[in-house]
Amino acid sequence: MGRHRSDPMGVARLVLAGLAVLVLVALIVVGILSLAGVLGSASEPTAPPPSASTTPSAASR
């Protein structure tokens, strides 16, 4: 009868594969969130910067 022993390299490969999948999923989620943030902010109208005539100057105080 043969001895049953654990295969540390096999377990390590499974752990590395699991970590690779988790990193891939995390990168996809971050990419989707950043893309949604860029597309969401691009559709909102932005206010134009104030012109020099609307800002109070130091001389008029």
N, C-alpha and C. Protein backbone atom coordinates (compact mmCIF):
# COMPACT_ATOMS: atom_id res chain seq x y z
N MET A 1 0.84 -1.17 0.00
CA MET A 1 0.00 0.00 0.00
C MET A 1 0.90 1.24 0.00
N GLY A 2 0.58 2.23 -0.85
CA GLY A 2 1.39 3.44 -0.94
C GLY A 2 1.02 4.46 0.11
N ARG A 3 1.99 5.32 0.38
CA ARG A 3 1.75 6.37 1.37
C ARG A 3 0.99 7.52 0.71
N HIS A 4 0.06 8.09 1.44
CA HIS A 4 -0.66 9.27 0.96
C HIS A 4 0.01 10.49 1.56
N ARG A 5 0.45 11.39 0.73
CA ARG A 5 1.08 12.60 1.22
C ARG A 5 0.51 13.80 0.48
N SER A 6 0.59 14.91 1.11
CA SER A 6 0.07 16.12 0.46
C SER A 6 1.06 16.56 -0.60
N ASP A 7 0.56 17.22 -1.59
CA ASP A 7 1.40 17.72 -2.69
C ASP A 7 1.51 19.23 -2.52
N PRO A 8 2.58 19.73 -1.87
CA PRO A 8 2.67 21.18 -1.63
C PRO A 8 2.72 21.99 -2.91
N MET A 9 3.35 21.49 -3.95
CA MET A 9 3.41 22.24 -5.21
C MET A 9 2.04 22.30 -5.87
N GLY A 10 1.27 21.26 -5.75
CA GLY A 10 -0.07 21.28 -6.32
C GLY A 10 -0.97 22.27 -5.60
N VAL A 11 -0.85 22.32 -4.27
CA VAL A 11 -1.63 23.27 -3.48
C VAL A 11 -1.18 24.69 -3.80
N ALA A 12 0.12 24.90 -3.94
CA ALA A 12 0.63 26.24 -4.25
C ALA A 12 0.14 26.70 -5.62
N ARG A 13 0.09 25.78 -6.57
CA ARG A 13 -0.42 26.15 -7.90
C ARG A 13 -1.89 26.54 -7.84
N LEU A 14 -2.65 25.81 -7.04
CA LEU A 14 -4.07 26.16 -6.90
C LEU A 14 -4.23 27.52 -6.24
N VAL A 15 -3.42 27.79 -5.22
CA VAL A 15 -3.50 29.09 -4.54
C VAL A 15 -3.09 30.20 -5.49
N LEU A 16 -2.03 30.01 -6.26
CA LEU A 16 -1.61 31.03 -7.22
C LEU A 16 -2.67 31.26 -8.30
N ALA A 17 -3.30 30.20 -8.75
CA ALA A 17 -4.36 30.35 -9.75
C ALA A 17 -5.53 31.12 -9.16
N GLY A 18 -5.88 30.84 -7.91
CA GLY A 18 -6.96 31.56 -7.25
C GLY A 18 -6.63 33.04 -7.08
N LEU A 19 -5.39 33.33 -6.70
CA LEU A 19 -4.98 34.72 -6.56
C LEU A 19 -4.99 35.44 -7.91
N ALA A 20 -4.57 34.75 -8.95
CA ALA A 20 -4.58 35.36 -10.28
C ALA A 20 -6.01 35.69 -10.71
N VAL A 21 -6.93 34.82 -10.41
CA VAL A 21 -8.34 35.08 -10.76
C VAL A 21 -8.86 36.27 -9.95
N LEU A 22 -8.51 36.34 -8.67
CA LEU A 22 -8.97 37.46 -7.85
C LEU A 22 -8.39 38.79 -8.34
N VAL A 23 -7.12 38.79 -8.72
CA VAL A 23 -6.51 40.02 -9.25
C VAL A 23 -7.17 40.42 -10.55
N LEU A 24 -7.45 39.46 -11.41
CA LEU A 24 -8.11 39.75 -12.68
C LEU A 24 -9.50 40.34 -12.46
N VAL A 25 -10.25 39.77 -11.55
CA VAL A 25 -11.59 40.29 -11.26
C VAL A 25 -11.50 41.69 -10.67
N ALA A 26 -10.53 41.91 -9.78
CA ALA A 26 -10.36 43.24 -9.18
C ALA A 26 -10.01 44.27 -10.24
N LEU A 27 -9.13 43.92 -11.17
CA LEU A 27 -8.77 44.86 -12.24
C LEU A 27 -9.95 45.17 -13.14
N ILE A 28 -10.76 44.17 -13.41
CA ILE A 28 -11.94 44.40 -14.26
C ILE A 28 -12.92 45.33 -13.54
N VAL A 29 -13.14 45.11 -12.24
CA VAL A 29 -14.06 45.95 -11.48
C VAL A 29 -13.55 47.38 -11.42
N VAL A 30 -12.25 47.56 -11.15
CA VAL A 30 -11.69 48.92 -11.10
C VAL A 30 -11.80 49.60 -12.46
N GLY A 31 -11.55 48.86 -13.54
CA GLY A 31 -11.66 49.43 -14.88
C GLY A 31 -13.08 49.85 -15.20
N ILE A 32 -14.04 49.02 -14.83
CA ILE A 32 -15.44 49.36 -15.10
C ILE A 32 -15.86 50.58 -14.29
N LEU A 33 -15.45 50.63 -13.02
CA LEU A 33 -15.82 51.77 -12.19
C LEU A 33 -15.19 53.07 -12.69
N SER A 34 -13.94 53.00 -13.10
CA SER A 34 -13.30 54.23 -13.59
C SER A 34 -13.90 54.65 -14.93
N LEU A 35 -14.21 53.70 -15.77
CA LEU A 35 -14.85 54.02 -17.05
C LEU A 35 -16.23 54.63 -16.83
N ALA A 36 -16.97 54.07 -15.88
CA ALA A 36 -18.30 54.63 -15.58
C ALA A 36 -18.17 56.03 -15.00
N GLY A 37 -17.14 56.27 -14.19
CA GLY A 37 -16.92 57.60 -13.63
C GLY A 37 -16.58 58.61 -14.70
N VAL A 38 -15.77 58.22 -15.65
CA VAL A 38 -15.39 59.14 -16.74
C VAL A 38 -16.59 59.42 -17.63
N LEU A 39 -17.33 58.38 -17.98
CA LEU A 39 -18.48 58.58 -18.85
C LEU A 39 -19.58 59.34 -18.13
N GLY A 40 -19.76 59.13 -16.83
CA GLY A 40 -20.78 59.84 -16.07
C GLY A 40 -20.45 61.31 -15.93
N SER A 41 -19.18 61.63 -15.70
CA SER A 41 -18.82 63.03 -15.53
C SER A 41 -18.77 63.75 -16.87
N ALA A 42 -18.56 63.04 -17.96
CA ALA A 42 -18.51 63.68 -19.28
C ALA A 42 -19.91 64.10 -19.73
N SER A 43 -20.94 63.41 -19.26
CA SER A 43 -22.29 63.73 -19.70
C SER A 43 -22.89 64.89 -18.91
N GLU A 44 -22.33 65.18 -17.72
CA GLU A 44 -22.85 66.29 -16.93
C GLU A 44 -22.27 67.60 -17.43
N PRO A 45 -23.11 68.62 -17.58
CA PRO A 45 -22.58 69.90 -18.04
C PRO A 45 -21.74 70.55 -16.95
N THR A 46 -20.65 71.13 -17.35
CA THR A 46 -19.79 71.80 -16.38
C THR A 46 -19.97 73.30 -16.51
N ALA A 47 -19.85 74.00 -15.41
CA ALA A 47 -20.00 75.46 -15.42
C ALA A 47 -18.74 76.07 -16.01
N PRO A 48 -18.91 77.11 -16.82
CA PRO A 48 -17.72 77.76 -17.38
C PRO A 48 -16.93 78.46 -16.28
N PRO A 49 -15.64 78.57 -16.44
CA PRO A 49 -14.85 79.25 -15.41
C PRO A 49 -15.23 80.73 -15.35
N PRO A 50 -15.16 81.31 -14.17
CA PRO A 50 -15.56 82.73 -14.06
C PRO A 50 -14.59 83.61 -14.84
N SER A 51 -15.17 84.62 -15.50
CA SER A 51 -14.33 85.52 -16.28
C SER A 51 -13.72 86.58 -15.38
N ALA A 52 -12.80 87.35 -15.89
CA ALA A 52 -12.12 88.37 -15.11
C ALA A 52 -13.09 89.48 -14.67
N SER A 53 -14.16 89.70 -15.45
CA SER A 53 -15.09 90.77 -15.12
C SER A 53 -15.99 90.42 -13.94
N THR A 54 -16.21 89.12 -13.68
CA THR A 54 -17.10 88.73 -12.59
C THR A 54 -16.36 88.53 -11.28
N THR A 55 -15.05 88.40 -11.31
CA THR A 55 -14.31 88.23 -10.07
C THR A 55 -13.89 89.59 -9.53
N PRO A 56 -14.04 89.81 -8.23
CA PRO A 56 -13.65 91.10 -7.68
C PRO A 56 -12.12 91.24 -7.70
N SER A 57 -11.68 92.40 -8.08
CA SER A 57 -10.22 92.64 -8.11
C SER A 57 -9.80 93.32 -6.82
N ALA A 58 -8.52 93.30 -6.57
CA ALA A 58 -7.99 93.91 -5.35
C ALA A 58 -8.11 95.43 -5.40
N ALA A 59 -8.11 96.03 -6.57
CA ALA A 59 -8.17 97.50 -6.70
C ALA A 59 -9.57 98.01 -6.38
N SER A 60 -10.63 97.23 -6.56
CA SER A 60 -11.99 97.72 -6.34
C SER A 60 -12.41 97.61 -4.89
N ARG A 61 -11.60 97.04 -4.02
CA ARG A 61 -11.99 96.89 -2.62
C ARG A 61 -11.83 98.11 -1.85
